[in-house]
């Protein structure tokens, strides 16, 4: 059996507008000027909140306070729109996940910088409960790019790293998988540029779900010893 682990933000759902706005509100709540371009704001997607704000402020800001303000901003945004509107699934993802969850030659998993509560709300909204054999969040282990989340996923699924593949859109996803000794596929529709994904060690970069199907089929057919 093999394991395919997916990132969420930028891979399965497009939450960029909500992320950027929540960051802006977090800085504003503390009376700080947000040091953000959209590219910089999205460059930290995948990290847990404190690590993300450490990166955004280059270690010179009140990262824990900003993380709490971000959570409050996210709660505000929840009240302003439905999750399907602020974090829409990428076209075709719904059918793709259900298709692959029915396969008998692999298990699906998730490793995300989201909180457990955030993942639960997302899964409830999209009906994804039961599709994944393992779900790892920022509440469960140290932030990407540390391998802890991925290693927990391997243990829960009963799969070795050589029989596992990470599918994600950021360099943090690629580094996490490499640190764990797993395979990597980068998706080109997310938040980090192709050149950065390649430099981070993405073995393949796909631009469509059809291309992803081909690469995952190749991964499943690969014989490990």
Protein backbone atom coordinates (compact mmCIF):
# COMPACT_ATOMS: atom_id res chain seq x y z
CA UNK A 1 0.00 0.00 0.00
CA UNK A 2 1.17 3.53 -0.78
CA UNK A 3 0.28 6.86 0.76
CA UNK A 4 -0.44 10.14 -1.04
CA UNK A 5 -0.35 13.17 1.28
CA UNK A 6 -1.90 16.45 0.20
CA UNK A 7 -1.36 19.98 1.40
CA UNK A 8 -4.59 22.02 1.60
CA UNK A 9 -4.14 25.77 1.01
CA UNK A 10 -2.94 26.37 -2.54
CA UNK A 11 -3.23 22.68 -3.39
CA UNK A 12 -6.82 21.62 -2.75
CA UNK A 13 -8.46 24.99 -2.00
CA UNK A 14 -7.69 28.54 -3.08
CA UNK A 15 -7.76 30.49 0.16
CA UNK A 16 -5.33 33.22 -0.86
CA UNK A 17 -7.74 36.16 -0.67
CA UNK A 18 -8.84 35.21 2.83
CA UNK A 19 -5.26 34.61 4.00
CA UNK A 20 -4.04 37.97 2.71
CA UNK A 21 -6.99 39.83 4.24
CA UNK A 22 -6.64 38.06 7.60
CA UNK A 23 -2.95 38.96 7.70
CA UNK A 24 -3.77 42.60 6.90
CA UNK A 25 -6.36 42.72 9.68
CA UNK A 26 -3.98 41.07 12.14
CA UNK A 27 -1.33 43.75 11.63
CA UNK A 28 -3.97 46.49 11.76
CA UNK A 29 -5.38 45.14 15.04
CA UNK A 30 -1.98 45.67 16.67
CA UNK A 31 -1.50 49.07 15.10
CA UNK A 32 1.27 47.83 12.85
CA UNK A 33 1.89 48.45 9.20
CA UNK A 34 1.63 45.20 7.27
CA UNK A 35 4.95 44.57 5.45
CA UNK A 36 3.06 42.77 2.73
CA UNK A 37 2.96 42.40 -0.96
CA UNK A 38 0.63 39.62 -2.08
CA UNK A 39 3.65 37.49 -3.02
CA UNK A 40 5.23 37.96 0.40
CA UNK A 41 1.94 37.28 2.16
CA UNK A 42 1.53 34.02 0.29
CA UNK A 43 5.18 33.04 0.67
CA UNK A 44 4.49 31.84 4.23
CA UNK A 45 1.45 29.71 3.41
CA UNK A 46 2.09 26.24 4.79
CA UNK A 47 3.87 27.37 7.93
CA UNK A 48 2.07 27.37 11.26
CA UNK A 49 0.92 30.83 12.34
CA UNK A 50 3.72 31.83 14.71
CA UNK A 51 6.39 30.71 12.26
CA UNK A 52 4.54 32.52 9.45
CA UNK A 53 4.51 35.82 11.30
CA UNK A 54 8.13 35.31 12.36
CA UNK A 55 8.96 35.09 8.66
CA UNK A 56 6.78 38.06 7.68
CA UNK A 57 8.34 40.30 10.34
CA UNK A 58 11.82 38.81 9.94
CA UNK A 59 11.75 37.86 13.60
CA UNK A 60 11.25 41.44 14.77
CA UNK A 61 7.50 41.46 15.38
CA UNK A 62 5.16 40.19 18.12
CA UNK A 63 4.55 36.94 16.29
CA UNK A 64 2.39 35.26 18.91
CA UNK A 65 0.17 38.31 19.28
CA UNK A 66 -0.11 38.55 15.51
CA UNK A 67 -1.05 34.87 15.35
CA UNK A 68 -3.86 35.44 17.83
CA UNK A 69 -5.02 38.52 15.93
CA UNK A 70 -4.98 36.46 12.73
CA UNK A 71 -7.21 33.84 14.32
CA UNK A 72 -9.64 36.57 15.37
CA UNK A 73 -9.59 38.04 11.86
CA UNK A 74 -10.28 34.62 10.40
CA UNK A 75 -13.27 34.26 12.70
CA UNK A 76 -14.55 37.62 11.49
CA UNK A 77 -14.17 36.52 7.89
CA UNK A 78 -16.04 33.32 8.69
CA UNK A 79 -19.02 35.43 9.69
CA UNK A 80 -18.85 37.45 6.50
CA UNK A 81 -18.93 34.65 3.93
CA UNK A 82 -19.42 30.92 3.51
CA UNK A 83 -16.33 28.75 3.52
CA UNK A 84 -17.03 27.67 -0.06
CA UNK A 85 -16.81 31.34 -1.10
CA UNK A 86 -13.70 32.37 0.82
CA UNK A 87 -11.83 29.07 0.33
CA UNK A 88 -13.15 27.60 -2.94
CA UNK A 89 -11.95 24.17 -3.94
CA UNK A 90 -9.94 24.26 -7.14
CA UNK A 91 -11.97 23.11 -10.16
CA UNK A 92 -12.14 19.33 -10.32
CA UNK A 93 -10.69 18.72 -6.85
CA UNK A 94 -13.94 17.37 -5.40
CA UNK A 95 -14.25 14.64 -8.02
CA UNK A 96 -10.50 14.00 -7.95
CA UNK A 97 -10.41 13.30 -4.22
CA UNK A 98 -13.44 11.03 -4.31
CA UNK A 99 -12.01 9.15 -7.29
CA UNK A 100 -8.68 8.54 -5.59
CA UNK A 101 -10.17 7.74 -2.20
CA UNK A 102 -11.91 4.75 -3.82
CA UNK A 103 -8.71 3.25 -5.16
CA UNK A 104 -7.47 0.07 -3.52
CA UNK A 105 -3.76 0.63 -4.18
CA UNK A 106 -3.29 3.74 -2.08
CA UNK A 107 -4.37 5.72 0.95
CA UNK A 108 -4.86 9.48 1.06
CA UNK A 109 -3.63 11.83 3.76
CA UNK A 110 -3.36 15.51 4.61
CA UNK A 111 -0.53 17.54 6.13
CA UNK A 112 -1.37 21.21 6.57
CA UNK A 113 -0.42 24.33 8.48
CA UNK A 114 -4.10 24.82 9.30
CA UNK A 115 -5.41 24.23 12.80
CA UNK A 116 -7.40 21.11 13.57
CA UNK A 117 -10.54 23.21 14.02
CA UNK A 118 -9.98 24.88 10.66
CA UNK A 119 -9.56 21.53 8.94
CA UNK A 120 -12.68 20.15 10.60
CA UNK A 121 -14.74 23.10 9.38
CA UNK A 122 -13.37 22.74 5.87
CA UNK A 123 -14.02 19.00 5.77
CA UNK A 124 -17.56 19.49 7.06
CA UNK A 125 -18.25 22.11 4.39
CA UNK A 126 -16.92 20.00 1.54
CA UNK A 127 -17.94 16.56 2.75
CA UNK A 128 -14.35 15.32 2.93
CA UNK A 129 -14.68 13.42 6.20
CA UNK A 130 -13.73 9.80 5.64
CA UNK A 131 -11.67 10.41 2.49
CA UNK A 132 -8.31 10.56 4.28
CA UNK A 133 -6.60 7.82 6.28
CA UNK A 134 -4.53 10.37 8.18
CA UNK A 135 -4.90 14.11 8.78
CA UNK A 136 -2.03 16.10 10.28
CA UNK A 137 -2.40 19.75 11.33
CA UNK A 138 -0.43 22.55 12.96
CA UNK A 139 -1.89 21.42 16.30
CA UNK A 140 -0.37 17.95 16.00
CA UNK A 141 3.32 18.49 15.27
CA UNK A 142 6.00 21.12 14.60
CA UNK A 143 5.51 23.30 11.54
CA UNK A 144 6.65 22.41 8.06
CA UNK A 145 9.38 22.09 6.84
CA UNK A 146 10.13 19.82 9.82
CA UNK A 147 9.29 16.20 8.93
CA UNK A 148 7.23 15.52 12.06
CA UNK A 149 3.82 15.92 10.43
CA UNK A 150 4.77 13.64 7.58
CA UNK A 151 6.30 11.07 9.92
CA UNK A 152 3.08 11.02 11.96
CA UNK A 153 1.12 10.46 8.75
CA UNK A 154 3.37 7.54 7.85
CA UNK A 155 2.93 5.98 11.28
CA UNK A 156 -0.85 6.34 11.25
CA UNK A 157 -1.14 4.89 7.75
CA UNK A 158 1.39 2.11 8.39
CA UNK A 159 3.44 3.09 5.33
CA UNK A 160 7.17 3.67 4.90
CA UNK A 161 8.54 6.93 3.48
CA UNK A 162 9.69 5.27 0.26
CA UNK A 163 6.05 4.32 -0.38
CA UNK A 164 4.72 7.83 0.27
CA UNK A 165 4.39 10.95 -1.84
CA UNK A 166 3.75 14.58 -0.89
CA UNK A 167 1.60 16.71 -3.20
CA UNK A 168 1.88 20.42 -2.42
CA UNK A 169 2.36 23.92 -3.76
CA UNK A 170 5.07 25.32 -1.48
CA UNK A 171 8.75 24.83 -0.80
CA UNK A 172 7.79 23.89 2.78
CA UNK A 173 5.85 20.89 1.47
CA UNK A 174 8.81 19.78 -0.63
CA UNK A 175 11.33 20.22 2.19
CA UNK A 176 9.11 18.39 4.68
CA UNK A 177 8.78 15.39 2.37
CA UNK A 178 12.50 15.32 1.59
CA UNK A 179 13.37 15.47 5.29
CA UNK A 180 11.09 12.46 5.78
CA UNK A 181 12.60 10.61 2.80
CA UNK A 182 9.43 10.62 0.68
CA UNK A 183 8.61 11.38 -2.95
CA UNK A 184 7.47 14.84 -4.05
CA UNK A 185 5.13 16.35 -6.62
CA UNK A 186 4.67 20.11 -6.83
CA UNK A 187 1.47 21.66 -8.16
CA UNK A 188 1.85 24.72 -10.35
CA UNK A 189 -1.51 26.33 -9.58
CA UNK A 190 -0.62 27.26 -5.99
CA UNK A 191 1.29 30.01 -4.21
CA UNK A 192 5.01 29.35 -4.83
CA UNK A 193 6.68 29.77 -8.20
CA UNK A 194 7.85 26.81 -10.28
CA UNK A 195 11.51 27.76 -9.96
CA UNK A 196 11.27 27.78 -6.18
CA UNK A 197 9.53 24.39 -6.15
CA UNK A 198 12.23 22.92 -8.38
CA UNK A 199 14.98 24.36 -6.20
CA UNK A 200 13.25 22.89 -3.14
CA UNK A 201 13.42 19.45 -4.73
CA UNK A 202 10.08 18.86 -6.42
CA UNK A 203 10.64 15.77 -8.55
CA UNK A 204 7.79 16.77 -10.84
CA UNK A 205 5.64 19.88 -11.21
CA UNK A 206 2.14 19.49 -12.64
CA UNK A 207 -0.17 22.20 -13.91
CA UNK A 208 -3.45 20.30 -14.16
CA UNK A 209 -5.25 17.54 -12.30
CA UNK A 210 -4.94 15.34 -15.37
CA UNK A 211 -1.16 15.72 -15.19
CA UNK A 212 -1.31 14.93 -11.49
CA UNK A 213 -3.23 11.72 -12.23
CA UNK A 214 -0.48 10.61 -14.60
CA UNK A 215 2.30 11.34 -12.10
CA UNK A 216 0.47 9.60 -9.25
CA UNK A 217 -0.20 6.56 -11.41
CA UNK A 218 3.54 6.41 -12.18
CA UNK A 219 4.29 6.69 -8.46
CA UNK A 220 1.89 3.86 -7.61
CA UNK A 221 3.37 1.62 -10.27
CA UNK A 222 6.92 2.23 -9.07
CA UNK A 223 8.27 -0.89 -7.37
CA UNK A 224 10.13 -0.23 -4.11
CA UNK A 225 12.57 -2.62 -2.53
